C-alpha atoms as a PDB file:
ATOM      1  CA  UNK A   1     100.756  68.367 102.501  1.00  0.00           C
ATOM      2  CA  UNK A   2     104.422  68.961 103.206  1.00  0.00           C
ATOM      3  CA  UNK A   3     106.826  67.226 100.892  1.00  0.00           C
ATOM      4  CA  UNK A   4     109.540  64.918 102.128  1.00  0.00           C
ATOM      5  CA  UNK A   5     112.876  66.424 103.027  1.00  0.00           C
ATOM      6  CA  UNK A   6     115.353  65.356 100.376  1.00  0.00           C
ATOM      7  CA  UNK A   7     118.344  67.176 101.843  1.00  0.00           C
ATOM      8  CA  UNK A   8     119.915  63.963 103.093  1.00  0.00           C
ATOM      9  CA  UNK A   9     120.910  60.797 101.345  1.00  0.00           C
ATOM     10  CA  UNK A  10     122.779  57.583 101.997  1.00  0.00           C
ATOM     11  CA  UNK A  11     126.439  58.073 102.822  1.00  0.00           C
ATOM     12  CA  UNK A  12     129.345  55.839 103.680  1.00  0.00           C
ATOM     13  CA  UNK A  13     128.496  52.919 105.943  1.00  0.00           C
ATOM     14  CA  UNK A  14     124.804  53.723 105.695  1.00  0.00           C
ATOM     15  CA  UNK A  15     125.171  57.193 107.229  1.00  0.00           C
ATOM     16  CA  UNK A  16     123.416  60.302 105.992  1.00  0.00           C
ATOM     17  CA  UNK A  17     125.096  62.927 103.862  1.00  0.00           C
ATOM     18  CA  UNK A  18     123.716  66.332 104.780  1.00  0.00           C
ATOM     19  CA  UNK A  19     123.281  68.730 101.914  1.00  0.00           C
ATOM     20  CA  UNK A  20     121.671  72.164 101.899  1.00  0.00           C
ATOM     21  CA  UNK A  21     118.125  71.973 100.502  1.00  0.00           C
ATOM     22  CA  UNK A  22     118.331  72.851  96.794  1.00  0.00           C
ATOM     23  CA  UNK A  23     116.065  75.889  97.064  1.00  0.00           C
ATOM     24  CA  UNK A  24     118.150  77.346  99.887  1.00  0.00           C
ATOM     25  CA  UNK A  25     121.228  76.906  97.718  1.00  0.00           C
ATOM     26  CA  UNK A  26     119.428  78.742  94.915  1.00  0.00           C
ATOM     27  CA  UNK A  27     118.469  81.493  97.360  1.00  0.00           C
ATOM     28  CA  UNK A  28     122.069  81.826  98.518  1.00  0.00           C
ATOM     29  CA  UNK A  29     123.312  82.125  94.939  1.00  0.00           C
ATOM     30  CA  UNK A  30     120.657  84.718  94.089  1.00  0.00           C
ATOM     31  CA  UNK A  31     121.527  86.714  97.204  1.00  0.00           C
ATOM     32  CA  UNK A  32     125.229  86.780  96.335  1.00  0.00           C
ATOM     33  CA  UNK A  33     124.506  87.872  92.773  1.00  0.00           C
ATOM     34  CA  UNK A  34     122.042  90.546  93.936  1.00  0.00           C
ATOM     35  CA  UNK A  35     124.483  91.963  96.481  1.00  0.00           C
ATOM     36  CA  UNK A  36     127.143  92.028  93.769  1.00  0.00           C
ATOM     37  CA  UNK A  37     124.735  93.872  91.477  1.00  0.00           C
ATOM     38  CA  UNK A  38     124.136  96.480  94.186  1.00  0.00           C
ATOM     39  CA  UNK A  39     127.861  96.908  94.798  1.00  0.00           C
ATOM     40  CA  UNK A  40     128.631  97.279  91.093  1.00  0.00           C
ATOM     41  CA  UNK A  41     125.523  99.387  90.374  1.00  0.00           C
ATOM     42  CA  UNK A  42     124.064  97.034  87.778  1.00  0.00           C
ATOM     43  CA  UNK A  43     120.284  97.658  87.867  1.00  0.00           C
ATOM     44  CA  UNK A  44     119.508  95.099  85.170  1.00  0.00           C
ATOM     45  CA  UNK A  45     121.075  92.327  87.234  1.00  0.00           C
ATOM     46  CA  UNK A  46     119.165  93.512  90.294  1.00  0.00           C
ATOM     47  CA  UNK A  47     115.918  93.289  88.337  1.00  0.00           C
ATOM     48  CA  UNK A  48     116.850  89.744  87.330  1.00  0.00           C
ATOM     49  CA  UNK A  49     117.576  88.566  90.874  1.00  0.00           C
ATOM     50  CA  UNK A  50     115.961  90.641  93.633  1.00  0.00           C
ATOM     51  CA  UNK A  51     112.312  89.845  92.733  1.00  0.00           C
ATOM     52  CA  UNK A  52     113.132  86.119  92.993  1.00  0.00           C
ATOM     53  CA  UNK A  53     114.546  86.119  96.547  1.00  0.00           C
ATOM     54  CA  UNK A  54     111.333  86.042  98.577  1.00  0.00           C
ATOM     55  CA  UNK A  55     109.485  83.680  96.176  1.00  0.00           C
ATOM     56  CA  UNK A  56     112.308  81.136  96.417  1.00  0.00           C
ATOM     57  CA  UNK A  57     112.087  81.258 100.231  1.00  0.00           C
ATOM     58  CA  UNK A  58     108.307  80.939 100.040  1.00  0.00           C
ATOM     59  CA  UNK A  59     108.560  77.908  97.763  1.00  0.00           C
ATOM     60  CA  UNK A  60     111.110  76.313 100.104  1.00  0.00           C
ATOM     61  CA  UNK A  61     108.826  76.871 103.106  1.00  0.00           C
ATOM     62  CA  UNK A  62     105.762  75.578 101.268  1.00  0.00           C
ATOM     63  CA  UNK A  63     107.562  72.437 100.102  1.00  0.00           C
ATOM     64  CA  UNK A  64     108.651  71.658 103.656  1.00  0.00           C
ATOM     65  CA  UNK A  65     105.509  72.632 105.591  1.00  0.00           C
ATOM     66  CA  UNK A  66     102.647  72.946 103.137  1.00  0.00           C
ATOM     67  CA  UNK A  67     100.050  75.505 104.209  1.00  0.00           C
ATOM     68  CA  UNK A  68     100.878  75.402 107.930  1.00  0.00           C
ATOM     69  CA  UNK A  69     102.533  78.835 107.836  1.00  0.00           C
ATOM     70  CA  UNK A  70     100.169  80.886 105.696  1.00  0.00           C
ATOM     71  CA  UNK A  71     100.967  84.162 107.493  1.00  0.00           C
ATOM     72  CA  UNK A  72     104.676  83.747 106.845  1.00  0.00           C
ATOM     73  CA  UNK A  73     103.961  82.941 103.198  1.00  0.00           C
ATOM     74  CA  UNK A  74     101.708  86.008 102.934  1.00  0.00           C
ATOM     75  CA  UNK A  75     104.521  88.110 104.369  1.00  0.00           C
ATOM     76  CA  UNK A  76     106.889  86.800 101.729  1.00  0.00           C
ATOM     77  CA  UNK A  77     104.319  87.762  99.098  1.00  0.00           C
ATOM     78  CA  UNK A  78     104.248  91.325 100.434  1.00  0.00           C
ATOM     79  CA  UNK A  79     108.058  91.325 100.525  1.00  0.00           C
ATOM     80  CA  UNK A  80     108.198  90.319  96.849  1.00  0.00           C
ATOM     81  CA  UNK A  81     105.955  93.230  95.907  1.00  0.00           C
ATOM     82  CA  UNK A  82     108.036  95.554  98.077  1.00  0.00           C
ATOM     83  CA  UNK A  83     111.280  94.423  96.473  1.00  0.00           C
ATOM     84  CA  UNK A  84     109.883  95.158  93.019  1.00  0.00           C
ATOM     85  CA  UNK A  85     108.561  98.577  94.075  1.00  0.00           C
ATOM     86  CA  UNK A  86     111.918  99.566  95.550  1.00  0.00           C
ATOM     87  CA  UNK A  87     113.638  98.837  92.259  1.00  0.00           C
ATOM     88  CA  UNK A  88     111.645 101.649  90.640  1.00  0.00           C
ATOM     89  CA  UNK A  89     113.157 105.140  91.028  1.00  0.00           C
ATOM     90  CA  UNK A  90     111.138 107.919  92.616  1.00  0.00           C
ATOM     91  CA  UNK A  91     109.548 108.804  95.950  1.00  0.00           C
ATOM     92  CA  UNK A  92     106.156 107.355  94.998  1.00  0.00           C
ATOM     93  CA  UNK A  93     107.628 103.902  94.391  1.00  0.00           C
ATOM     94  CA  UNK A  94     109.628 104.225  97.601  1.00  0.00           C
ATOM     95  CA  UNK A  95     106.429 104.916  99.545  1.00  0.00           C
ATOM     96  CA  UNK A  96     104.662 101.973  97.909  1.00  0.00           C
ATOM     97  CA  UNK A  97     107.612  99.751  98.781  1.00  0.00           C
ATOM     98  CA  UNK A  98     107.415 100.832 102.428  1.00  0.00           C
ATOM     99  CA  UNK A  99     103.690 100.027 102.445  1.00  0.00           C
ATOM    100  CA  UNK A 100     104.267  96.535 101.061  1.00  0.00           C
ATOM    101  CA  UNK A 101     107.036  95.831 103.561  1.00  0.00           C
ATOM    102  CA  UNK A 102     104.828  97.118 106.376  1.00  0.00           C
ATOM    103  CA  UNK A 103     102.310  94.473 105.315  1.00  0.00           C
ATOM    104  CA  UNK A 104     105.088  91.868 105.409  1.00  0.00           C
ATOM    105  CA  UNK A 105     106.190  92.855 108.911  1.00  0.00           C
ATOM    106  CA  UNK A 106     102.609  92.727 110.209  1.00  0.00           C
ATOM    107  CA  UNK A 107     102.131  89.246 108.726  1.00  0.00           C
ATOM    108  CA  UNK A 108     105.289  87.984 110.410  1.00  0.00           C
ATOM    109  CA  UNK A 109     104.448  89.635 113.739  1.00  0.00           C
ATOM    110  CA  UNK A 110     101.059  87.927 113.603  1.00  0.00           C
ATOM    111  CA  UNK A 111     102.744  84.590 112.920  1.00  0.00           C
ATOM    112  CA  UNK A 112     105.158  84.993 115.843  1.00  0.00           C
ATOM    113  CA  UNK A 113     102.391  86.124 118.191  1.00  0.00           C
ATOM    114  CA  UNK A 114     100.543  82.967 117.185  1.00  0.00           C
ATOM    115  CA  UNK A 115     103.595  81.012 118.353  1.00  0.00           C
ATOM    116  CA  UNK A 116     103.455  82.582 121.823  1.00  0.00           C
ATOM    117  CA  UNK A 117     105.575  85.711 121.443  1.00  0.00           C
ATOM    118  CA  UNK A 118     103.502  87.802 123.868  1.00  0.00           C
ATOM    119  CA  UNK A 119     103.923  85.625 126.986  1.00  0.00           C
ATOM    120  CA  UNK A 120     107.518  84.923 125.961  1.00  0.00           C
ATOM    121  CA  UNK A 121     108.360  88.621 125.851  1.00  0.00           C
ATOM    122  CA  UNK A 122     106.320  89.486 128.935  1.00  0.00           C
ATOM    123  CA  UNK A 123     108.919  87.577 130.921  1.00  0.00           C
ATOM    124  CA  UNK A 124     111.794  89.351 129.149  1.00  0.00           C
ATOM    125  CA  UNK A 125     111.207  93.049 129.696  1.00  0.00           C
ATOM    126  CA  UNK A 126     114.877  94.081 129.417  1.00  0.00           C
ATOM    127  CA  UNK A 127     114.922  92.621 125.915  1.00  0.00           C
ATOM    128  CA  UNK A 128     111.809  94.608 125.029  1.00  0.00           C
ATOM    129  CA  UNK A 129     113.377  97.802 126.407  1.00  0.00           C
ATOM    130  CA  UNK A 130     116.522  97.190 124.352  1.00  0.00           C
ATOM    131  CA  UNK A 131     114.497  96.890 121.142  1.00  0.00           C
ATOM    132  CA  UNK A 132     112.474  99.978 122.064  1.00  0.00           C
ATOM    133  CA  UNK A 133     115.760 101.849 122.384  1.00  0.00           C
ATOM    134  CA  UNK A 134     116.820 100.600 118.947  1.00  0.00           C
ATOM    135  CA  UNK A 135     113.554 101.915 117.485  1.00  0.00           C
ATOM    136  CA  UNK A 136     113.945 105.286 119.196  1.00  0.00           C
ATOM    137  CA  UNK A 137     117.513 105.586 117.959  1.00  0.00           C
ATOM    138  CA  UNK A 138     116.502 104.699 114.402  1.00  0.00           C
ATOM    139  CA  UNK A 139     113.729 107.283 114.398  1.00  0.00           C
ATOM    140  CA  UNK A 140     116.053 109.912 115.853  1.00  0.00           C
ATOM    141  CA  UNK A 141     118.600 109.190 113.112  1.00  0.00           C
ATOM    142  CA  UNK A 142     116.201 109.051 110.180  1.00  0.00           C
ATOM    143  CA  UNK A 143     113.175 111.251 110.774  1.00  0.00           C
ATOM    144  CA  UNK A 144     114.448 114.825 111.452  1.00  0.00           C
ATOM    145  CA  UNK A 145     115.669 115.435 107.902  1.00  0.00           C
ATOM    146  CA  UNK A 146     112.481 114.129 106.216  1.00  0.00           C
ATOM    147  CA  UNK A 147     109.202 115.825 105.372  1.00  0.00           C
ATOM    148  CA  UNK A 148     106.270 115.158 107.691  1.00  0.00           C
ATOM    149  CA  UNK A 149     104.549 112.492 105.572  1.00  0.00           C
ATOM    150  CA  UNK A 150     107.666 110.444 104.906  1.00  0.00           C
ATOM    151  CA  UNK A 151     108.834 110.885 108.504  1.00  0.00           C
ATOM    152  CA  UNK A 152     105.556 109.458 109.774  1.00  0.00           C
ATOM    153  CA  UNK A 153     105.723 106.544 107.350  1.00  0.00           C
ATOM    154  CA  UNK A 154     109.285 105.730 108.379  1.00  0.00           C
ATOM    155  CA  UNK A 155     108.408 105.931 112.094  1.00  0.00           C
ATOM    156  CA  UNK A 156     105.465 103.533 111.671  1.00  0.00           C
ATOM    157  CA  UNK A 157     107.368 101.129 109.433  1.00  0.00           C
ATOM    158  CA  UNK A 158     110.421 101.065 111.705  1.00  0.00           C
ATOM    159  CA  UNK A 159     108.185 100.303 114.689  1.00  0.00           C
ATOM    160  CA  UNK A 160     106.729  97.319 112.843  1.00  0.00           C
ATOM    161  CA  UNK A 161     110.191  96.221 111.707  1.00  0.00           C
ATOM    162  CA  UNK A 162     111.614  96.297 115.230  1.00  0.00           C
ATOM    163  CA  UNK A 163     108.458  94.605 116.516  1.00  0.00           C
ATOM    164  CA  UNK A 164     108.976  91.795 114.016  1.00  0.00           C
ATOM    165  CA  UNK A 165     112.601  91.355 115.086  1.00  0.00           C
ATOM    166  CA  UNK A 166     111.575  91.322 118.742  1.00  0.00           C
ATOM    167  CA  UNK A 167     108.728  88.822 118.393  1.00  0.00           C
ATOM    168  CA  UNK A 168     110.973  86.598 116.246  1.00  0.00           C
ATOM    169  CA  UNK A 169     112.864  85.693 119.436  1.00  0.00           C
ATOM    170  CA  UNK A 170     110.089  83.260 120.314  1.00  0.00           C
ATOM    171  CA  UNK A 171     111.228  81.075 117.411  1.00  0.00           C
ATOM    172  CA  UNK A 172     114.792  80.694 118.703  1.00  0.00           C
ATOM    173  CA  UNK A 173     118.267  82.122 118.091  1.00  0.00           C
ATOM    174  CA  UNK A 174     118.322  81.753 114.311  1.00  0.00           C
ATOM    175  CA  UNK A 175     115.035  83.608 113.886  1.00  0.00           C
ATOM    176  CA  UNK A 176     116.218  86.288 116.314  1.00  0.00           C
ATOM    177  CA  UNK A 177     119.442  86.689 114.316  1.00  0.00           C
ATOM    178  CA  UNK A 178     117.485  86.924 111.080  1.00  0.00           C
ATOM    179  CA  UNK A 179     115.266  89.636 112.531  1.00  0.00           C
ATOM    180  CA  UNK A 180     118.304  91.564 113.714  1.00  0.00           C
ATOM    181  CA  UNK A 181     119.933  91.372 110.279  1.00  0.00           C
ATOM    182  CA  UNK A 182     116.678  92.615 108.720  1.00  0.00           C
ATOM    183  CA  UNK A 183     116.670  95.631 111.062  1.00  0.00           C
ATOM    184  CA  UNK A 184     120.325  96.418 110.356  1.00  0.00           C
ATOM    185  CA  UNK A 185     119.815  96.114 106.595  1.00  0.00           C
ATOM    186  CA  UNK A 186     116.809  98.420 106.516  1.00  0.00           C
ATOM    187  CA  UNK A 187     118.540 100.910 108.806  1.00  0.00           C
ATOM    188  CA  UNK A 188     121.452 101.118 106.359  1.00  0.00           C
ATOM    189  CA  UNK A 189     119.008 101.657 103.488  1.00  0.00           C
ATOM    190  CA  UNK A 190     117.258 104.368 105.485  1.00  0.00           C
ATOM    191  CA  UNK A 191     120.523 106.125 106.268  1.00  0.00           C
ATOM    192  CA  UNK A 192     121.428 106.025 102.595  1.00  0.00           C
ATOM    193  CA  UNK A 193     118.028 107.471 101.686  1.00  0.00           C
ATOM    194  CA  UNK A 194     118.434 110.283 104.201  1.00  0.00           C
ATOM    195  CA  UNK A 195     121.804 111.203 102.722  1.00  0.00           C
ATOM    196  CA  UNK A 196     120.410 111.188  99.191  1.00  0.00           C
ATOM    197  CA  UNK A 197     118.520 113.913  97.389  1.00  0.00           C
ATOM    198  CA  UNK A 198     115.856 111.336  96.513  1.00  0.00           C
ATOM    199  CA  UNK A 199     114.562 108.687  98.936  1.00  0.00           C
ATOM    200  CA  UNK A 200     114.389 106.156  96.118  1.00  0.00           C
ATOM    201  CA  UNK A 201     118.089 106.203  95.255  1.00  0.00           C
ATOM    202  CA  UNK A 202     119.110 103.278  97.533  1.00  0.00           C
ATOM    203  CA  UNK A 203     116.456 101.022  96.004  1.00  0.00           C
ATOM    204  CA  UNK A 204     118.016 101.278  92.551  1.00  0.00           C
ATOM    205  CA  UNK A 205     121.684 101.335  93.577  1.00  0.00           C
END
């Protein structure tokens, strides 16, 4: 059962005072600290914050909706495992992290398809073509300098990532924006990995 929304309270003249839900505020604080840790190259602080990001979002979603979005919650579980794997140096951990995040993307695609993404996108072919072009550009930028196994993994994962961002449009502008930010973030990580001697370097930066 979903819990009551406690983000509002009585205000002046009986009005409601809108406050960010506490768990979203916690998520925002964790995100700022984690980004700072990346910028300052403080791995210990990353270990203290990054593994908490997806669980805090999952707890927020569960408190508001209960078990109505199990596929989204499962995706956040995969994302948690992926975040932890990407904190470990080395190509093996990098590959495991990609696998976990592939599971997350597939969970979220399934959730969006369940909300009607296929008929929604069938009527928006130019949008689909634009996202296909983004995927092709990402593959062209990332794959040529990688060995065959990693290149294949990146091509498959990036297809799922772009597919998630595309199907997210069915949920409205905020979900579409979130999917786009996810794509941009992972593309930057991929470009950093390509420029590095080890694909795992960006995950521990």
